[in-house]
């Protein structure tokens, strides 16, 4: 049964395969893999450095690009199979209030349409609550009906749109 876990080297091979799937998929890859080279990540030391960097993202002292905030990255894992990732942003910038919100998630293409995103978000809401986030703001493109359903299945209440982004408040308790 899948579970939400901190990033781990245990899923190295599966993560690299998922990154390749995202890059080969007709949609542009999500930002978390867009700049990654799956071939480079195939090396164990490179993957270990990547995991270490992800584990440092929640720390205020961690250097980050402009516009990025501390965030806790969690992976949806079944045994040694990487199925998806989720990030809980500890606070919002004005840009994240418009598009991004507190929680973002992605399911690898070969694992979609099996309820993983709904389950991942459900499992992440208590994490957000422990970080003092309640309710959590989530956004999705107005054309992304699957993501809207995931948010609504987790108690999301539509609060309006900003541009092409629909905005929802989701209770974390």
C-alpha atoms as a PDB file:
ATOM      1  CA  UNK A   1       0.000   0.000   0.000  1.00  0.00           C
ATOM      2  CA  UNK A   2       1.489   3.390  -0.969  1.00  0.00           C
ATOM      3  CA  UNK A   3       2.583   5.843   1.683  1.00  0.00           C
ATOM      4  CA  UNK A   4       3.771   9.431   1.837  1.00  0.00           C
ATOM      5  CA  UNK A   5       7.448   9.537   2.843  1.00  0.00           C
ATOM      6  CA  UNK A   6      10.362  11.903   2.915  1.00  0.00           C
ATOM      7  CA  UNK A   7      12.573  11.558  -0.172  1.00  0.00           C
ATOM      8  CA  UNK A   8      14.771   8.470   0.047  1.00  0.00           C
ATOM      9  CA  UNK A   9      17.473   6.788  -2.019  1.00  0.00           C
ATOM     10  CA  UNK A  10      15.525   3.514  -1.717  1.00  0.00           C
ATOM     11  CA  UNK A  11      13.494   4.448  -4.813  1.00  0.00           C
ATOM     12  CA  UNK A  12      16.484   5.602  -6.874  1.00  0.00           C
ATOM     13  CA  UNK A  13      15.861   3.397  -9.911  1.00  0.00           C
ATOM     14  CA  UNK A  14      12.105   4.010  -9.907  1.00  0.00           C
ATOM     15  CA  UNK A  15      12.497   7.772  -9.501  1.00  0.00           C
ATOM     16  CA  UNK A  16      14.842   7.946 -12.483  1.00  0.00           C
ATOM     17  CA  UNK A  17      12.336   5.894 -14.527  1.00  0.00           C
ATOM     18  CA  UNK A  18       9.560   8.289 -13.471  1.00  0.00           C
ATOM     19  CA  UNK A  19      11.658  11.307 -14.456  1.00  0.00           C
ATOM     20  CA  UNK A  20      12.134   9.734 -17.888  1.00  0.00           C
ATOM     21  CA  UNK A  21       8.353   9.187 -18.119  1.00  0.00           C
ATOM     22  CA  UNK A  22       7.674  12.836 -17.299  1.00  0.00           C
ATOM     23  CA  UNK A  23      10.174  13.989 -19.944  1.00  0.00           C
ATOM     24  CA  UNK A  24       8.721  11.638 -22.587  1.00  0.00           C
ATOM     25  CA  UNK A  25       5.085  12.551 -21.850  1.00  0.00           C
ATOM     26  CA  UNK A  26       3.321  14.896 -24.312  1.00  0.00           C
ATOM     27  CA  UNK A  27       2.665  17.471 -21.556  1.00  0.00           C
ATOM     28  CA  UNK A  28       5.615  19.583 -20.425  1.00  0.00           C
ATOM     29  CA  UNK A  29       7.276  17.969 -17.409  1.00  0.00           C
ATOM     30  CA  UNK A  30       6.386  19.404 -14.004  1.00  0.00           C
ATOM     31  CA  UNK A  31       8.846  21.947 -12.648  1.00  0.00           C
ATOM     32  CA  UNK A  32      10.395  19.521 -10.161  1.00  0.00           C
ATOM     33  CA  UNK A  33      11.779  17.325 -12.981  1.00  0.00           C
ATOM     34  CA  UNK A  34      11.928  19.842 -15.837  1.00  0.00           C
ATOM     35  CA  UNK A  35      15.501  20.816 -14.980  1.00  0.00           C
ATOM     36  CA  UNK A  36      16.663  17.331 -14.044  1.00  0.00           C
ATOM     37  CA  UNK A  37      18.650  15.115 -16.371  1.00  0.00           C
ATOM     38  CA  UNK A  38      17.502  11.534 -15.693  1.00  0.00           C
ATOM     39  CA  UNK A  39      20.769  10.254 -17.152  1.00  0.00           C
ATOM     40  CA  UNK A  40      22.802  12.228 -14.616  1.00  0.00           C
ATOM     41  CA  UNK A  41      20.517  11.140 -11.761  1.00  0.00           C
ATOM     42  CA  UNK A  42      21.177   7.504 -12.667  1.00  0.00           C
ATOM     43  CA  UNK A  43      24.516   7.840 -10.850  1.00  0.00           C
ATOM     44  CA  UNK A  44      24.038   6.941  -7.186  1.00  0.00           C
ATOM     45  CA  UNK A  45      26.078   9.875  -5.866  1.00  0.00           C
ATOM     46  CA  UNK A  46      24.121  12.385  -7.972  1.00  0.00           C
ATOM     47  CA  UNK A  47      20.825  10.962  -6.736  1.00  0.00           C
ATOM     48  CA  UNK A  48      22.040  11.052  -3.118  1.00  0.00           C
ATOM     49  CA  UNK A  49      22.939  14.751  -3.537  1.00  0.00           C
ATOM     50  CA  UNK A  50      19.485  15.403  -5.017  1.00  0.00           C
ATOM     51  CA  UNK A  51      17.729  13.694  -2.083  1.00  0.00           C
ATOM     52  CA  UNK A  52      19.934  15.584   0.410  1.00  0.00           C
ATOM     53  CA  UNK A  53      18.989  18.876  -1.258  1.00  0.00           C
ATOM     54  CA  UNK A  54      15.274  18.033  -1.052  1.00  0.00           C
ATOM     55  CA  UNK A  55      15.588  17.135   2.625  1.00  0.00           C
ATOM     56  CA  UNK A  56      17.160  20.562   3.297  1.00  0.00           C
ATOM     57  CA  UNK A  57      14.366  22.552   1.599  1.00  0.00           C
ATOM     58  CA  UNK A  58      12.238  22.959   4.767  1.00  0.00           C
ATOM     59  CA  UNK A  59      15.071  24.776   6.554  1.00  0.00           C
ATOM     60  CA  UNK A  60      14.959  28.578   6.573  1.00  0.00           C
ATOM     61  CA  UNK A  61      18.752  28.654   6.248  1.00  0.00           C
ATOM     62  CA  UNK A  62      18.759  26.703   2.967  1.00  0.00           C
ATOM     63  CA  UNK A  63      19.649  28.908  -0.016  1.00  0.00           C
ATOM     64  CA  UNK A  64      16.889  28.893  -2.625  1.00  0.00           C
ATOM     65  CA  UNK A  65      16.052  30.637  -5.882  1.00  0.00           C
ATOM     66  CA  UNK A  66      14.173  33.924  -5.822  1.00  0.00           C
ATOM     67  CA  UNK A  67      10.462  33.388  -5.183  1.00  0.00           C
ATOM     68  CA  UNK A  68      10.919  29.977  -3.561  1.00  0.00           C
ATOM     69  CA  UNK A  69       9.913  29.415   0.062  1.00  0.00           C
ATOM     70  CA  UNK A  70      10.744  26.665   2.543  1.00  0.00           C
ATOM     71  CA  UNK A  71       8.859  23.532   1.551  1.00  0.00           C
ATOM     72  CA  UNK A  72       8.551  19.944   2.695  1.00  0.00           C
ATOM     73  CA  UNK A  73       8.773  17.511  -0.191  1.00  0.00           C
ATOM     74  CA  UNK A  74       7.111  14.132   0.258  1.00  0.00           C
ATOM     75  CA  UNK A  75       7.131  11.187  -2.102  1.00  0.00           C
ATOM     76  CA  UNK A  76       4.256   8.760  -2.674  1.00  0.00           C
ATOM     77  CA  UNK A  77       5.959   5.371  -2.582  1.00  0.00           C
ATOM     78  CA  UNK A  78       4.760   1.796  -2.793  1.00  0.00           C
ATOM     79  CA  UNK A  79       7.604  -0.443  -1.635  1.00  0.00           C
ATOM     80  CA  UNK A  80      10.457   0.682  -3.871  1.00  0.00           C
ATOM     81  CA  UNK A  81       8.216   2.232  -6.522  1.00  0.00           C
ATOM     82  CA  UNK A  82       8.074   6.018  -6.803  1.00  0.00           C
ATOM     83  CA  UNK A  83       4.508   6.988  -7.775  1.00  0.00           C
ATOM     84  CA  UNK A  84       4.430  10.733  -7.231  1.00  0.00           C
ATOM     85  CA  UNK A  85       5.593  13.738  -5.277  1.00  0.00           C
ATOM     86  CA  UNK A  86       3.971  16.418  -3.239  1.00  0.00           C
ATOM     87  CA  UNK A  87       5.352  19.637  -1.769  1.00  0.00           C
ATOM     88  CA  UNK A  88       3.895  21.551   1.170  1.00  0.00           C
ATOM     89  CA  UNK A  89       5.031  25.174   0.990  1.00  0.00           C
ATOM     90  CA  UNK A  90       5.434  26.569   4.484  1.00  0.00           C
ATOM     91  CA  UNK A  91       4.245  30.051   3.529  1.00  0.00           C
ATOM     92  CA  UNK A  92       2.999  31.907   0.477  1.00  0.00           C
ATOM     93  CA  UNK A  93       4.387  34.754  -1.580  1.00  0.00           C
ATOM     94  CA  UNK A  94       2.002  36.953  -3.575  1.00  0.00           C
ATOM     95  CA  UNK A  95       2.854  34.888  -6.671  1.00  0.00           C
ATOM     96  CA  UNK A  96       2.052  31.616  -4.864  1.00  0.00           C
ATOM     97  CA  UNK A  97      -1.250  33.090  -3.690  1.00  0.00           C
ATOM     98  CA  UNK A  98      -2.194  33.530  -7.347  1.00  0.00           C
ATOM     99  CA  UNK A  99      -0.778  30.305  -8.779  1.00  0.00           C
ATOM    100  CA  UNK A 100       0.704  27.531  -6.705  1.00  0.00           C
ATOM    101  CA  UNK A 101      -0.780  27.667  -3.245  1.00  0.00           C
ATOM    102  CA  UNK A 102       0.443  25.735  -0.225  1.00  0.00           C
ATOM    103  CA  UNK A 103       0.442  22.265  -1.783  1.00  0.00           C
ATOM    104  CA  UNK A 104       1.421  21.046  -5.224  1.00  0.00           C
ATOM    105  CA  UNK A 105       1.426  17.441  -6.401  1.00  0.00           C
ATOM    106  CA  UNK A 106       2.317  15.329  -9.410  1.00  0.00           C
ATOM    107  CA  UNK A 107       1.732  11.656 -10.194  1.00  0.00           C
ATOM    108  CA  UNK A 108       4.010   9.904 -12.663  1.00  0.00           C
ATOM    109  CA  UNK A 109       2.205   9.311 -15.983  1.00  0.00           C
ATOM    110  CA  UNK A 110       2.086   5.494 -15.706  1.00  0.00           C
ATOM    111  CA  UNK A 111       0.434   5.707 -12.250  1.00  0.00           C
ATOM    112  CA  UNK A 112      -2.304   8.215 -13.071  1.00  0.00           C
ATOM    113  CA  UNK A 113      -6.059   7.601 -12.839  1.00  0.00           C
ATOM    114  CA  UNK A 114      -5.714   5.227  -9.879  1.00  0.00           C
ATOM    115  CA  UNK A 115      -6.590   7.612  -7.028  1.00  0.00           C
ATOM    116  CA  UNK A 116      -2.995   8.349  -6.049  1.00  0.00           C
ATOM    117  CA  UNK A 117      -3.310  12.153  -6.161  1.00  0.00           C
ATOM    118  CA  UNK A 118      -6.437  12.095  -3.973  1.00  0.00           C
ATOM    119  CA  UNK A 119      -4.731   9.817  -1.441  1.00  0.00           C
ATOM    120  CA  UNK A 120      -1.490  11.839  -1.485  1.00  0.00           C
ATOM    121  CA  UNK A 121      -3.305  15.075  -0.772  1.00  0.00           C
ATOM    122  CA  UNK A 122      -5.381  13.462   1.988  1.00  0.00           C
ATOM    123  CA  UNK A 123      -2.187  12.199   3.660  1.00  0.00           C
ATOM    124  CA  UNK A 124      -0.454  15.585   3.303  1.00  0.00           C
ATOM    125  CA  UNK A 125      -3.178  17.670   4.962  1.00  0.00           C
ATOM    126  CA  UNK A 126      -2.100  16.714   8.523  1.00  0.00           C
ATOM    127  CA  UNK A 127       1.492  17.623   7.573  1.00  0.00           C
ATOM    128  CA  UNK A 128       0.278  21.067   6.508  1.00  0.00           C
ATOM    129  CA  UNK A 129      -1.688  21.383   9.746  1.00  0.00           C
ATOM    130  CA  UNK A 130       1.429  20.591  11.823  1.00  0.00           C
ATOM    131  CA  UNK A 131       3.153  23.435   9.965  1.00  0.00           C
ATOM    132  CA  UNK A 132       0.406  25.816  11.109  1.00  0.00           C
ATOM    133  CA  UNK A 133      -1.423  25.897   7.771  1.00  0.00           C
ATOM    134  CA  UNK A 134      -5.226  25.814   8.044  1.00  0.00           C
ATOM    135  CA  UNK A 135      -6.842  26.058   5.640  1.00  0.00           C
ATOM    136  CA  UNK A 136      -4.433  25.282   2.818  1.00  0.00           C
ATOM    137  CA  UNK A 137      -4.720  27.196  -0.436  1.00  0.00           C
ATOM    138  CA  UNK A 138      -4.547  24.976  -3.517  1.00  0.00           C
ATOM    139  CA  UNK A 139      -4.730  26.032  -7.139  1.00  0.00           C
ATOM    140  CA  UNK A 140      -5.174  24.260 -10.451  1.00  0.00           C
ATOM    141  CA  UNK A 141      -5.563  25.280 -14.073  1.00  0.00           C
ATOM    142  CA  UNK A 142      -9.166  25.858 -15.069  1.00  0.00           C
ATOM    143  CA  UNK A 143      -8.747  23.114 -17.686  1.00  0.00           C
ATOM    144  CA  UNK A 144      -7.433  20.543 -15.189  1.00  0.00           C
ATOM    145  CA  UNK A 145     -10.651  18.825 -14.156  1.00  0.00           C
ATOM    146  CA  UNK A 146      -8.815  15.857 -12.630  1.00  0.00           C
ATOM    147  CA  UNK A 147      -6.920  18.106 -10.224  1.00  0.00           C
ATOM    148  CA  UNK A 148     -10.083  20.005  -9.345  1.00  0.00           C
ATOM    149  CA  UNK A 149     -11.755  16.684  -8.447  1.00  0.00           C
ATOM    150  CA  UNK A 150      -8.757  15.721  -6.273  1.00  0.00           C
ATOM    151  CA  UNK A 151      -9.014  19.005  -4.389  1.00  0.00           C
ATOM    152  CA  UNK A 152     -12.798  18.788  -3.980  1.00  0.00           C
ATOM    153  CA  UNK A 153     -12.605  15.156  -2.785  1.00  0.00           C
ATOM    154  CA  UNK A 154     -10.364  16.440  -0.010  1.00  0.00           C
ATOM    155  CA  UNK A 155     -12.836  19.088   1.111  1.00  0.00           C
ATOM    156  CA  UNK A 156     -11.666  21.909  -1.147  1.00  0.00           C
ATOM    157  CA  UNK A 157     -14.023  24.865  -1.425  1.00  0.00           C
ATOM    158  CA  UNK A 158     -13.760  26.973  -4.586  1.00  0.00           C
ATOM    159  CA  UNK A 159     -13.040  30.622  -3.725  1.00  0.00           C
ATOM    160  CA  UNK A 160     -12.554  32.108  -7.188  1.00  0.00           C
ATOM    161  CA  UNK A 161     -10.148  32.319 -10.072  1.00  0.00           C
ATOM    162  CA  UNK A 162      -7.154  34.456 -10.866  1.00  0.00           C
ATOM    163  CA  UNK A 163      -6.432  34.262 -14.555  1.00  0.00           C
ATOM    164  CA  UNK A 164      -6.474  30.613 -15.597  1.00  0.00           C
ATOM    165  CA  UNK A 165      -5.955  29.379 -12.023  1.00  0.00           C
ATOM    166  CA  UNK A 166      -8.862  28.188  -9.917  1.00  0.00           C
ATOM    167  CA  UNK A 167      -8.316  28.682  -6.185  1.00  0.00           C
ATOM    168  CA  UNK A 168      -9.571  26.463  -3.351  1.00  0.00           C
ATOM    169  CA  UNK A 169      -9.346  26.427   0.425  1.00  0.00           C
ATOM    170  CA  UNK A 170      -8.904  22.966   1.906  1.00  0.00           C
ATOM    171  CA  UNK A 171      -9.223  22.328   5.652  1.00  0.00           C
ATOM    172  CA  UNK A 172      -6.180  20.586   7.099  1.00  0.00           C
ATOM    173  CA  UNK A 173      -7.883  19.211  10.218  1.00  0.00           C
END
